[in-house]
Amino acid sequence: MRYDTKIYFCKNGTSTYNSGTGDYDTADPVETEKMASVMDMNEETMKLLYGEIRQGSLMIQLQNHYDGVFDYIRIGEKNYMANLKRSLRTKQTLYVSEVQ
């Protein structure tokens, strides 16, 4: 198994009130880069997890655990939300689906 795909755990930036303009200024998202093995999810796993077949569902495997807080995962230009996280002794598996 090759851990050859860069994924980014993204945390949305905080919003602060700007009294000069009267609007909220949002900071850029904070991204943490990790290398992972990214694979398409098979139909059997999708039926067990979601009850239906969804396009854009992936299985991500990390060599080490990622315990940080994140809002979404970015792979390339697409954003994904984590539906299920399984932590084994040394590895971690994330089942994600594409955010529209």
PDB file of N, CA and C in Angstrom:
ATOM      1  N   MET A   1       0.843  -1.160   0.000  1.00  0.00           N
ATOM      2  CA  MET A   1       0.000   0.000   0.000  1.00  0.00           C
ATOM      3  C   MET A   1       0.896   1.233   0.000  1.00  0.00           C
ATOM      4  N   ARG A   2       0.592   2.153  -0.892  1.00  0.00           N
ATOM      5  CA  ARG A   2       1.404   3.353  -1.022  1.00  0.00           C
ATOM      6  C   ARG A   2       0.688   4.554  -0.425  1.00  0.00           C
ATOM      7  N   TYR A   3       1.386   5.256   0.376  1.00  0.00           N
ATOM      8  CA  TYR A   3       0.877   6.490   0.967  1.00  0.00           C
ATOM      9  C   TYR A   3       1.444   7.642   0.139  1.00  0.00           C
ATOM     10  N   ASP A   4       0.845   7.852  -1.043  1.00  0.00           N
ATOM     11  CA  ASP A   4       1.418   8.762  -2.027  1.00  0.00           C
ATOM     12  C   ASP A   4       0.525   9.951  -2.381  1.00  0.00           C
ATOM     13  N   THR A   5      -0.580  10.121  -1.679  1.00  0.00           N
ATOM     14  CA  THR A   5      -1.505  11.209  -1.977  1.00  0.00           C
ATOM     15  C   THR A   5      -1.491  12.231  -0.844  1.00  0.00           C
ATOM     16  N   LYS A   6      -1.341  13.489  -1.209  1.00  0.00           N
ATOM     17  CA  LYS A   6      -1.382  14.549  -0.207  1.00  0.00           C
ATOM     18  C   LYS A   6      -2.835  14.887   0.107  1.00  0.00           C
ATOM     19  N   ILE A   7      -3.175  14.843   1.396  1.00  0.00           N
ATOM     20  CA  ILE A   7      -4.489  15.284   1.839  1.00  0.00           C
ATOM     21  C   ILE A   7      -4.282  16.399   2.857  1.00  0.00           C
ATOM     22  N   TYR A   8      -5.284  17.239   2.986  1.00  0.00           N
ATOM     23  CA  TYR A   8      -5.186  18.388   3.883  1.00  0.00           C
ATOM     24  C   TYR A   8      -6.367  18.374   4.843  1.00  0.00           C
ATOM     25  N   PHE A   9      -6.078  18.342   6.138  1.00  0.00           N
ATOM     26  CA  PHE A   9      -7.099  18.477   7.161  1.00  0.00           C
ATOM     27  C   PHE A   9      -7.291  19.978   7.368  1.00  0.00           C
ATOM     28  N   CYS A  10      -8.495  20.476   7.109  1.00  0.00           N
ATOM     29  CA  CYS A  10      -8.750  21.915   7.108  1.00  0.00           C
ATOM     30  C   CYS A  10      -9.656  22.315   8.269  1.00  0.00           C
ATOM     31  N   LYS A  11      -9.264  23.364   8.947  1.00  0.00           N
ATOM     32  CA  LYS A  11     -10.043  23.969  10.022  1.00  0.00           C
ATOM     33  C   LYS A  11     -10.420  25.366   9.567  1.00  0.00           C
ATOM     34  N   ASN A  12     -11.723  25.680   9.554  1.00  0.00           N
ATOM     35  CA  ASN A  12     -12.182  26.991   9.111  1.00  0.00           C
ATOM     36  C   ASN A  12     -11.597  28.091   9.975  1.00  0.00           C
ATOM     37  N   GLY A  13     -11.320  29.232   9.340  1.00  0.00           N
ATOM     38  CA  GLY A  13     -10.783  30.372  10.065  1.00  0.00           C
ATOM     39  C   GLY A  13     -11.841  31.021  10.941  1.00  0.00           C
ATOM     40  N   THR A  14     -11.401  31.740  11.938  1.00  0.00           N
ATOM     41  CA  THR A  14     -12.333  32.388  12.855  1.00  0.00           C
ATOM     42  C   THR A  14     -12.830  33.705  12.254  1.00  0.00           C
ATOM     43  N   SER A  15     -14.041  34.087  12.633  1.00  0.00           N
ATOM     44  CA  SER A  15     -14.621  35.341  12.186  1.00  0.00           C
ATOM     45  C   SER A  15     -14.491  36.375  13.301  1.00  0.00           C
ATOM     46  N   THR A  16     -14.021  37.553  12.930  1.00  0.00           N
ATOM     47  CA  THR A  16     -13.913  38.644  13.893  1.00  0.00           C
ATOM     48  C   THR A  16     -14.679  39.847  13.347  1.00  0.00           C
ATOM     49  N   TYR A  17     -15.299  40.566  14.238  1.00  0.00           N
ATOM     50  CA  TYR A  17     -16.084  41.738  13.850  1.00  0.00           C
ATOM     51  C   TYR A  17     -15.166  42.918  13.583  1.00  0.00           C
ATOM     52  N   ASN A  18     -15.352  43.559  12.434  1.00  0.00           N
ATOM     53  CA  ASN A  18     -14.597  44.750  12.059  1.00  0.00           C
ATOM     54  C   ASN A  18     -15.512  45.950  12.277  1.00  0.00           C
ATOM     55  N   SER A  19     -15.233  46.729  13.311  1.00  0.00           N
ATOM     56  CA  SER A  19     -16.113  47.855  13.648  1.00  0.00           C
ATOM     57  C   SER A  19     -16.041  48.976  12.613  1.00  0.00           C
ATOM     58  N   GLY A  20     -14.966  49.049  11.865  1.00  0.00           N
ATOM     59  CA  GLY A  20     -14.830  50.091  10.842  1.00  0.00           C
ATOM     60  C   GLY A  20     -15.763  49.879   9.664  1.00  0.00           C
ATOM     61  N   THR A  21     -15.904  48.638   9.227  1.00  0.00           N
ATOM     62  CA  THR A  21     -16.769  48.348   8.083  1.00  0.00           C
ATOM     63  C   THR A  21     -18.129  47.812   8.504  1.00  0.00           C
ATOM     64  N   GLY A  22     -18.231  47.279   9.707  1.00  0.00           N
ATOM     65  CA  GLY A  22     -19.496  46.706  10.160  1.00  0.00           C
ATOM     66  C   GLY A  22     -19.713  45.283   9.691  1.00  0.00           C
ATOM     67  N   ASP A  23     -18.693  44.680   9.108  1.00  0.00           N
ATOM     68  CA  ASP A  23     -18.789  43.307   8.611  1.00  0.00           C
ATOM     69  C   ASP A  23     -17.899  42.391   9.448  1.00  0.00           C
ATOM     70  N   TYR A  24     -18.058  41.109   9.213  1.00  0.00           N
ATOM     71  CA  TYR A  24     -17.197  40.124   9.848  1.00  0.00           C
ATOM     72  C   TYR A  24     -16.082  39.751   8.885  1.00  0.00           C
ATOM     73  N   ASP A  25     -14.862  39.765   9.363  1.00  0.00           N
ATOM     74  CA  ASP A  25     -13.700  39.348   8.575  1.00  0.00           C
ATOM     75  C   ASP A  25     -13.371  37.911   8.951  1.00  0.00           C
ATOM     76  N   THR A  26     -13.297  37.048   7.945  1.00  0.00           N
ATOM     77  CA  THR A  26     -13.005  35.640   8.176  1.00  0.00           C
ATOM     78  C   THR A  26     -11.561  35.353   7.784  1.00  0.00           C
ATOM     79  N   ALA A  27     -10.838  34.721   8.672  1.00  0.00           N
ATOM     80  CA  ALA A  27      -9.443  34.352   8.404  1.00  0.00           C
ATOM     81  C   ALA A  27      -9.412  33.154   7.449  1.00  0.00           C
ATOM     82  N   ASP A  28      -8.292  32.977   6.794  1.00  0.00           N
ATOM     83  CA  ASP A  28      -8.129  31.840   5.885  1.00  0.00           C
ATOM     84  C   ASP A  28      -8.142  30.538   6.672  1.00  0.00           C
ATOM     85  N   PRO A  29      -8.598  29.438   6.030  1.00  0.00           N
ATOM     86  CA  PRO A  29      -8.583  28.149   6.733  1.00  0.00           C
ATOM     87  C   PRO A  29      -7.156  27.690   7.034  1.00  0.00           C
ATOM     88  N   VAL A  30      -7.006  26.979   8.143  1.00  0.00           N
ATOM     89  CA  VAL A  30      -5.716  26.425   8.533  1.00  0.00           C
ATOM     90  C   VAL A  30      -5.673  24.985   8.024  1.00  0.00           C
ATOM     91  N   GLU A  31      -4.632  24.663   7.256  1.00  0.00           N
ATOM     92  CA  GLU A  31      -4.520  23.329   6.659  1.00  0.00           C
ATOM     93  C   GLU A  31      -3.313  22.592   7.216  1.00  0.00           C
ATOM     94  N   THR A  32      -3.518  21.297   7.484  1.00  0.00           N
ATOM     95  CA  THR A  32      -2.438  20.414   7.929  1.00  0.00           C
ATOM     96  C   THR A  32      -2.277  19.323   6.876  1.00  0.00           C
ATOM     97  N   GLU A  33      -1.095  19.234   6.295  1.00  0.00           N
ATOM     98  CA  GLU A  33      -0.841  18.280   5.216  1.00  0.00           C
ATOM     99  C   GLU A  33      -0.393  16.933   5.770  1.00  0.00           C
ATOM    100  N   LYS A  34      -0.955  15.854   5.219  1.00  0.00           N
ATOM    101  CA  LYS A  34      -0.558  14.485   5.555  1.00  0.00           C
ATOM    102  C   LYS A  34      -0.493  13.668   4.269  1.00  0.00           C
ATOM    103  N   MET A  35       0.317  12.636   4.286  1.00  0.00           N
ATOM    104  CA  MET A  35       0.375  11.692   3.169  1.00  0.00           C
ATOM    105  C   MET A  35      -0.519  10.509   3.513  1.00  0.00           C
ATOM    106  N   ALA A  36      -1.304  10.051   2.529  1.00  0.00           N
ATOM    107  CA  ALA A  36      -2.277   9.000   2.791  1.00  0.00           C
ATOM    108  C   ALA A  36      -2.439   8.101   1.575  1.00  0.00           C
ATOM    109  N   SER A  37      -3.048   6.963   1.822  1.00  0.00           N
ATOM    110  CA  SER A  37      -3.461   6.058   0.761  1.00  0.00           C
ATOM    111  C   SER A  37      -4.953   6.295   0.541  1.00  0.00           C
ATOM    112  N   VAL A  38      -5.312   6.749  -0.648  1.00  0.00           N
ATOM    113  CA  VAL A  38      -6.703   7.092  -0.960  1.00  0.00           C
ATOM    114  C   VAL A  38      -7.224   6.105  -1.989  1.00  0.00           C
ATOM    115  N   MET A  39      -8.362   5.461  -1.662  1.00  0.00           N
ATOM    116  CA  MET A  39      -8.965   4.467  -2.547  1.00  0.00           C
ATOM    117  C   MET A  39     -10.465   4.710  -2.656  1.00  0.00           C
ATOM    118  N   ASP A  40     -11.037   4.270  -3.764  1.00  0.00           N
ATOM    119  CA  ASP A  40     -12.492   4.306  -3.895  1.00  0.00           C
ATOM    120  C   ASP A  40     -13.092   3.280  -2.946  1.00  0.00           C
ATOM    121  N   MET A  41     -14.255   3.601  -2.429  1.00  0.00           N
ATOM    122  CA  MET A  41     -14.933   2.684  -1.510  1.00  0.00           C
ATOM    123  C   MET A  41     -15.722   1.663  -2.335  1.00  0.00           C
ATOM    124  N   ASN A  42     -15.710   0.399  -1.916  1.00  0.00           N
ATOM    125  CA  ASN A  42     -16.449  -0.611  -2.660  1.00  0.00           C
ATOM    126  C   ASN A  42     -17.941  -0.532  -2.327  1.00  0.00           C
ATOM    127  N   GLU A  43     -18.770  -1.147  -3.171  1.00  0.00           N
ATOM    128  CA  GLU A  43     -20.223  -1.045  -3.046  1.00  0.00           C
ATOM    129  C   GLU A  43     -20.741  -1.649  -1.745  1.00  0.00           C
ATOM    130  N   GLU A  44     -20.146  -2.744  -1.307  1.00  0.00           N
ATOM    131  CA  GLU A  44     -20.600  -3.402  -0.091  1.00  0.00           C
ATOM    132  C   GLU A  44     -20.410  -2.509   1.138  1.00  0.00           C
ATOM    133  N   THR A  45     -19.274  -1.848   1.212  1.00  0.00           N
ATOM    134  CA  THR A  45     -19.005  -0.943   2.327  1.00  0.00           C
ATOM    135  C   THR A  45     -19.946   0.252   2.293  1.00  0.00           C
ATOM    136  N   MET A  46     -20.226   0.781   1.096  1.00  0.00           N
ATOM    137  CA  MET A  46     -21.144   1.914   0.981  1.00  0.00           C
ATOM    138  C   MET A  46     -22.546   1.539   1.440  1.00  0.00           C
ATOM    139  N   LYS A  47     -23.002   0.347   1.092  1.00  0.00           N
ATOM    140  CA  LYS A  47     -24.340  -0.082   1.496  1.00  0.00           C
ATOM    141  C   LYS A  47     -24.422  -0.255   3.012  1.00  0.00           C
ATOM    142  N   LEU A  48     -23.353  -0.769   3.633  1.00  0.00           N
ATOM    143  CA  LEU A  48     -23.348  -0.916   5.087  1.00  0.00           C
ATOM    144  C   LEU A  48     -23.284   0.430   5.797  1.00  0.00           C
ATOM    145  N   LEU A  49     -22.493   1.358   5.269  1.00  0.00           N
ATOM    146  CA  LEU A  49     -22.272   2.642   5.922  1.00  0.00           C
ATOM    147  C   LEU A  49     -23.410   3.630   5.682  1.00  0.00           C
ATOM    148  N   TYR A  50     -23.855   3.748   4.433  1.00  0.00           N
ATOM    149  CA  TYR A  50     -24.845   4.757   4.072  1.00  0.00           C
ATOM    150  C   TYR A  50     -26.241   4.186   3.810  1.00  0.00           C
ATOM    151  N   GLY A  51     -26.332   2.900   3.492  1.00  0.00           N
ATOM    152  CA  GLY A  51     -27.608   2.319   3.112  1.00  0.00           C
ATOM    153  C   GLY A  51     -27.912   2.484   1.637  1.00  0.00           C
ATOM    154  N   GLU A  52     -27.020   3.118   0.911  1.00  0.00           N
ATOM    155  CA  GLU A  52     -27.187   3.340  -0.526  1.00  0.00           C
ATOM    156  C   GLU A  52     -25.807   3.510  -1.151  1.00  0.00           C
ATOM    157  N   ILE A  53     -25.765   3.542  -2.460  1.00  0.00           N
ATOM    158  CA  ILE A  53     -24.507   3.745  -3.169  1.00  0.00           C
ATOM    159  C   ILE A  53     -24.362   5.227  -3.463  1.00  0.00           C
ATOM    160  N   ARG A  54     -23.271   5.836  -3.006  1.00  0.00           N
ATOM    161  CA  ARG A  54     -22.999   7.252  -3.217  1.00  0.00           C
ATOM    162  C   ARG A  54     -21.762   7.410  -4.073  1.00  0.00           C
ATOM    163  N   GLN A  55     -21.848   8.307  -5.042  1.00  0.00           N
ATOM    164  CA  GLN A  55     -20.669   8.617  -5.838  1.00  0.00           C
ATOM    165  C   GLN A  55     -19.803   9.594  -5.067  1.00  0.00           C
ATOM    166  N   GLY A  56     -18.516   9.519  -5.260  1.00  0.00           N
ATOM    167  CA  GLY A  56     -17.594  10.433  -4.601  1.00  0.00           C
ATOM    168  C   GLY A  56     -17.221  10.006  -3.201  1.00  0.00           C
ATOM    169  N   SER A  57     -17.426   8.738  -2.844  1.00  0.00           N
ATOM    170  CA  SER A  57     -17.042   8.242  -1.520  1.00  0.00           C
ATOM    171  C   SER A  57     -15.670   7.598  -1.602  1.00  0.00           C
ATOM    172  N   LEU A  58     -14.819   7.918  -0.635  1.00  0.00           N
ATOM    173  CA  LEU A  58     -13.447   7.413  -0.626  1.00  0.00           C
ATOM    174  C   LEU A  58     -13.102   6.816   0.729  1.00  0.00           C
ATOM    175  N   MET A  59     -12.097   5.957   0.722  1.00  0.00           N
ATOM    176  CA  MET A  59     -11.530   5.420   1.945  1.00  0.00           C
ATOM    177  C   MET A  59     -10.094   5.926   2.021  1.00  0.00           C
ATOM    178  N   ILE A  60      -9.757   6.568   3.144  1.00  0.00           N
ATOM    179  CA  ILE A  60      -8.425   7.147   3.345  1.00  0.00           C
ATOM    180  C   ILE A  60      -7.749   6.391   4.477  1.00  0.00           C
ATOM    181  N   GLN A  61      -6.517   5.944   4.245  1.00  0.00           N
ATOM    182  CA  GLN A  61      -5.744   5.281   5.289  1.00  0.00           C
ATOM    183  C   GLN A  61      -4.495   6.091   5.581  1.00  0.00           C
ATOM    184  N   LEU A  62      -4.280   6.348   6.873  1.00  0.00           N
ATOM    185  CA  LEU A  62      -3.096   7.066   7.346  1.00  0.00           C
ATOM    186  C   LEU A  62      -2.188   6.099   8.086  1.00  0.00           C
ATOM    187  N   GLN A  63      -0.882   6.287   7.988  1.00  0.00           N
ATOM    188  CA  GLN A  63       0.055   5.425   8.703  1.00  0.00           C
ATOM    189  C   GLN A  63       0.013   5.693  10.202  1.00  0.00           C
ATOM    190  N   ASN A  64      -0.187   6.933  10.587  1.00  0.00           N
ATOM    191  CA  ASN A  64      -0.256   7.319  11.995  1.00  0.00           C
ATOM    192  C   ASN A  64      -1.585   8.012  12.251  1.00  0.00           C
ATOM    193  N   HIS A  65      -1.969   8.097  13.491  1.00  0.00           N
ATOM    194  CA  HIS A  65      -3.228   8.740  13.847  1.00  0.00           C
ATOM    195  C   HIS A  65      -3.122  10.249  13.665  1.00  0.00           C
ATOM    196  N   TYR A  66      -4.235  10.861  13.242  1.00  0.00           N
ATOM    197  CA  TYR A  66      -4.345  12.322  13.237  1.00  0.00           C
ATOM    198  C   TYR A  66      -5.422  12.669  14.253  1.00  0.00           C
ATOM    199  N   ASP A  67      -5.029  13.302  15.353  1.00  0.00           N
ATOM    200  CA  ASP A  67      -5.956  13.600  16.437  1.00  0.00           C
ATOM    201  C   ASP A  67      -6.372  15.058  16.474  1.00  0.00           C
ATOM    202  N   GLY A  68      -5.953  15.844  15.508  1.00  0.00           N
ATOM    203  CA  GLY A  68      -6.308  17.252  15.484  1.00  0.00           C
ATOM    204  C   GLY A  68      -7.770  17.466  15.116  1.00  0.00           C
ATOM    205  N   VAL A  69      -8.261  18.651  15.416  1.00  0.00           N
ATOM    206  CA  VAL A  69      -9.641  19.009  15.088  1.00  0.00           C
ATOM    207  C   VAL A  69      -9.678  19.533  13.658  1.00  0.00           C
ATOM    208  N   PHE A  70     -10.649  19.088  12.869  1.00  0.00           N
ATOM    209  CA  PHE A  70     -10.783  19.557  11.496  1.00  0.00           C
ATOM    210  C   PHE A  70     -12.262  19.636  11.124  1.00  0.00           C
ATOM    211  N   ASP A  71     -12.571  20.510  10.160  1.00  0.00           N
ATOM    212  CA  ASP A  71     -13.942  20.676   9.686  1.00  0.00           C
ATOM    213  C   ASP A  71     -14.199  19.867   8.420  1.00  0.00           C
ATOM    214  N   TYR A  72     -13.188  19.774   7.565  1.00  0.00           N
ATOM    215  CA  TYR A  72     -13.321  19.009   6.330  1.00  0.00           C
ATOM    216  C   TYR A  72     -11.932  18.590   5.866  1.00  0.00           C
ATOM    217  N   ILE A  73     -11.905  17.710   4.872  1.00  0.00           N
ATOM    218  CA  ILE A  73     -10.652  17.217   4.307  1.00  0.00           C
ATOM    219  C   ILE A  73     -10.618  17.629   2.839  1.00  0.00           C
ATOM    220  N   ARG A  74      -9.497  18.185   2.414  1.00  0.00           N
ATOM    221  CA  ARG A  74      -9.344  18.573   1.012  1.00  0.00           C
ATOM    222  C   ARG A  74      -8.362  17.626   0.340  1.00  0.00           C
ATOM    223  N   ILE A  75      -8.797  17.081  -0.798  1.00  0.00           N
ATOM    224  CA  ILE A  75      -7.935  16.242  -1.633  1.00  0.00           C
ATOM    225  C   ILE A  75      -7.981  16.853  -3.028  1.00  0.00           C
ATOM    226  N   GLY A  76      -6.866  17.390  -3.464  1.00  0.00           N
ATOM    227  CA  GLY A  76      -6.860  18.114  -4.738  1.00  0.00           C
ATOM    228  C   GLY A  76      -7.692  19.377  -4.593  1.00  0.00           C
ATOM    229  N   GLU A  77      -8.704  19.531  -5.434  1.00  0.00           N
ATOM    230  CA  GLU A  77      -9.580  20.700  -5.367  1.00  0.00           C
ATOM    231  C   GLU A  77     -10.940  20.369  -4.752  1.00  0.00           C
ATOM    232  N   LYS A  78     -11.160  19.129  -4.353  1.00  0.00           N
ATOM    233  CA  LYS A  78     -12.454  18.710  -3.817  1.00  0.00           C
ATOM    234  C   LYS A  78     -12.415  18.626  -2.302  1.00  0.00           C
ATOM    235  N   ASN A  79     -13.547  18.954  -1.689  1.00  0.00           N
ATOM    236  CA  ASN A  79     -13.682  18.887  -0.237  1.00  0.00           C
ATOM    237  C   ASN A  79     -14.512  17.668   0.138  1.00  0.00           C
ATOM    238  N   TYR A  80     -14.123  17.030   1.227  1.00  0.00           N
ATOM    239  CA  TYR A  80     -14.802  15.828   1.708  1.00  0.00           C
ATOM    240  C   TYR A  80     -15.095  15.979   3.192  1.00  0.00           C
ATOM    241  N   MET A  81     -16.212  15.368   3.634  1.00  0.00           N
ATOM    242  CA  MET A  81     -16.490  15.334   5.066  1.00  0.00           C
ATOM    243  C   MET A  81     -16.310  13.911   5.559  1.00  0.00           C
ATOM    244  N   ALA A  82     -15.804  13.781   6.772  1.00  0.00           N
ATOM    245  CA  ALA A  82     -15.545  12.461   7.353  1.00  0.00           C
ATOM    246  C   ALA A  82     -16.839  11.908   7.926  1.00  0.00           C
ATOM    247  N   ASN A  83     -17.233  10.721   7.467  1.00  0.00           N
ATOM    248  CA  ASN A  83     -18.444  10.067   7.956  1.00  0.00           C
ATOM    249  C   ASN A  83     -18.148   9.063   9.057  1.00  0.00           C
ATOM    250  N   LEU A  84     -16.986   8.432   8.986  1.00  0.00           N
ATOM    251  CA  LEU A  84     -16.618   7.422   9.965  1.00  0.00           C
ATOM    252  C   LEU A  84     -15.103   7.426  10.114  1.00  0.00           C
ATOM    253  N   LYS A  85     -14.646   7.333  11.358  1.00  0.00           N
ATOM    254  CA  LYS A  85     -13.208   7.298  11.637  1.00  0.00           C
ATOM    255  C   LYS A  85     -12.922   6.070  12.486  1.00  0.00           C
ATOM    256  N   ARG A  86     -12.004   5.215  12.022  1.00  0.00           N
ATOM    257  CA  ARG A  86     -11.602   4.023  12.768  1.00  0.00           C
ATOM    258  C   ARG A  86     -10.123   4.131  13.077  1.00  0.00           C
ATOM    259  N   SER A  87      -9.793   4.037  14.343  1.00  0.00           N
ATOM    260  CA  SER A  87      -8.400   4.106  14.770  1.00  0.00           C
ATOM    261  C   SER A  87      -7.962   2.738  15.257  1.00  0.00           C
ATOM    262  N   LEU A  88      -6.975   2.191  14.589  1.00  0.00           N
ATOM    263  CA  LEU A  88      -6.387   0.925  15.005  1.00  0.00           C
ATOM    264  C   LEU A  88      -5.154   1.234  15.847  1.00  0.00           C
ATOM    265  N   ARG A  89      -4.344   0.254  16.111  1.00  0.00           N
ATOM    266  CA  ARG A  89      -3.182   0.465  16.978  1.00  0.00           C
ATOM    267  C   ARG A  89      -2.254   1.535  16.409  1.00  0.00           C
ATOM    268  N   THR A  90      -1.862   1.417  15.164  1.00  0.00           N
ATOM    269  CA  THR A  90      -0.953   2.401  14.581  1.00  0.00           C
ATOM    270  C   THR A  90      -1.569   3.144  13.409  1.00  0.00           C
ATOM    271  N   LYS A  91      -2.553   2.564  12.741  1.00  0.00           N
ATOM    272  CA  LYS A  91      -3.116   3.169  11.540  1.00  0.00           C
ATOM    273  C   LYS A  91      -4.482   3.761  11.834  1.00  0.00           C
ATOM    274  N   GLN A  92      -4.932   4.601  10.906  1.00  0.00           N
ATOM    275  CA  GLN A  92      -6.243   5.205  11.034  1.00  0.00           C
ATOM    276  C   GLN A  92      -6.929   5.177   9.679  1.00  0.00           C
ATOM    277  N   THR A  93      -8.208   4.841   9.662  1.00  0.00           N
ATOM    278  CA  THR A  93      -8.989   4.784   8.433  1.00  0.00           C
ATOM    279  C   THR A  93     -10.131   5.771   8.534  1.00  0.00           C
ATOM    280  N   LEU A  94     -10.304   6.564   7.475  1.00  0.00           N
ATOM    281  CA  LEU A  94     -11.393   7.528   7.401  1.00  0.00           C
ATOM    282  C   LEU A  94     -12.244   7.194   6.189  1.00  0.00           C
ATOM    283  N   TYR A  95     -13.555   7.140   6.388  1.00  0.00           N
ATOM    284  CA  TYR A  95     -14.500   6.963   5.287  1.00  0.00           C
ATOM    285  C   TYR A  95     -15.123   8.326   5.040  1.00  0.00           C
ATOM    286  N   VAL A  96     -14.941   8.862   3.839  1.00  0.00           N
ATOM    287  CA  VAL A  96     -15.359  10.230   3.543  1.00  0.00           C
ATOM    288  C   VAL A  96     -16.280  10.253   2.341  1.00  0.00           C
ATOM    289  N   SER A  97     -17.107  11.299   2.267  1.00  0.00           N
ATOM    290  CA  SER A  97     -17.955  11.521   1.092  1.00  0.00           C
ATOM    291  C   SER A  97     -17.776  12.969   0.640  1.00  0.00           C
ATOM    292  N   GLU A  98     -17.963  13.182  -0.639  1.00  0.00           N
ATOM    293  CA  GLU A  98     -17.738  14.497  -1.238  1.00  0.00           C
ATOM    294  C   GLU A  98     -18.811  15.483  -0.798  1.00  0.00           C
ATOM    295  N   VAL A  99     -18.387  16.709  -0.515  1.00  0.00           N
ATOM    296  CA  VAL A  99     -19.308  17.767  -0.119  1.00  0.00           C
ATOM    297  C   VAL A  99     -19.692  18.534  -1.381  1.00  0.00           C
ATOM    298  N   GLN A 100     -20.970  18.725  -1.571  1.00  0.00           N
ATOM    299  CA  GLN A 100     -21.459  19.431  -2.762  1.00  0.00           C
ATOM    300  C   GLN A 100     -21.471  20.907  -2.563  1.00  0.00           C
TER     301      GLN A 100
END
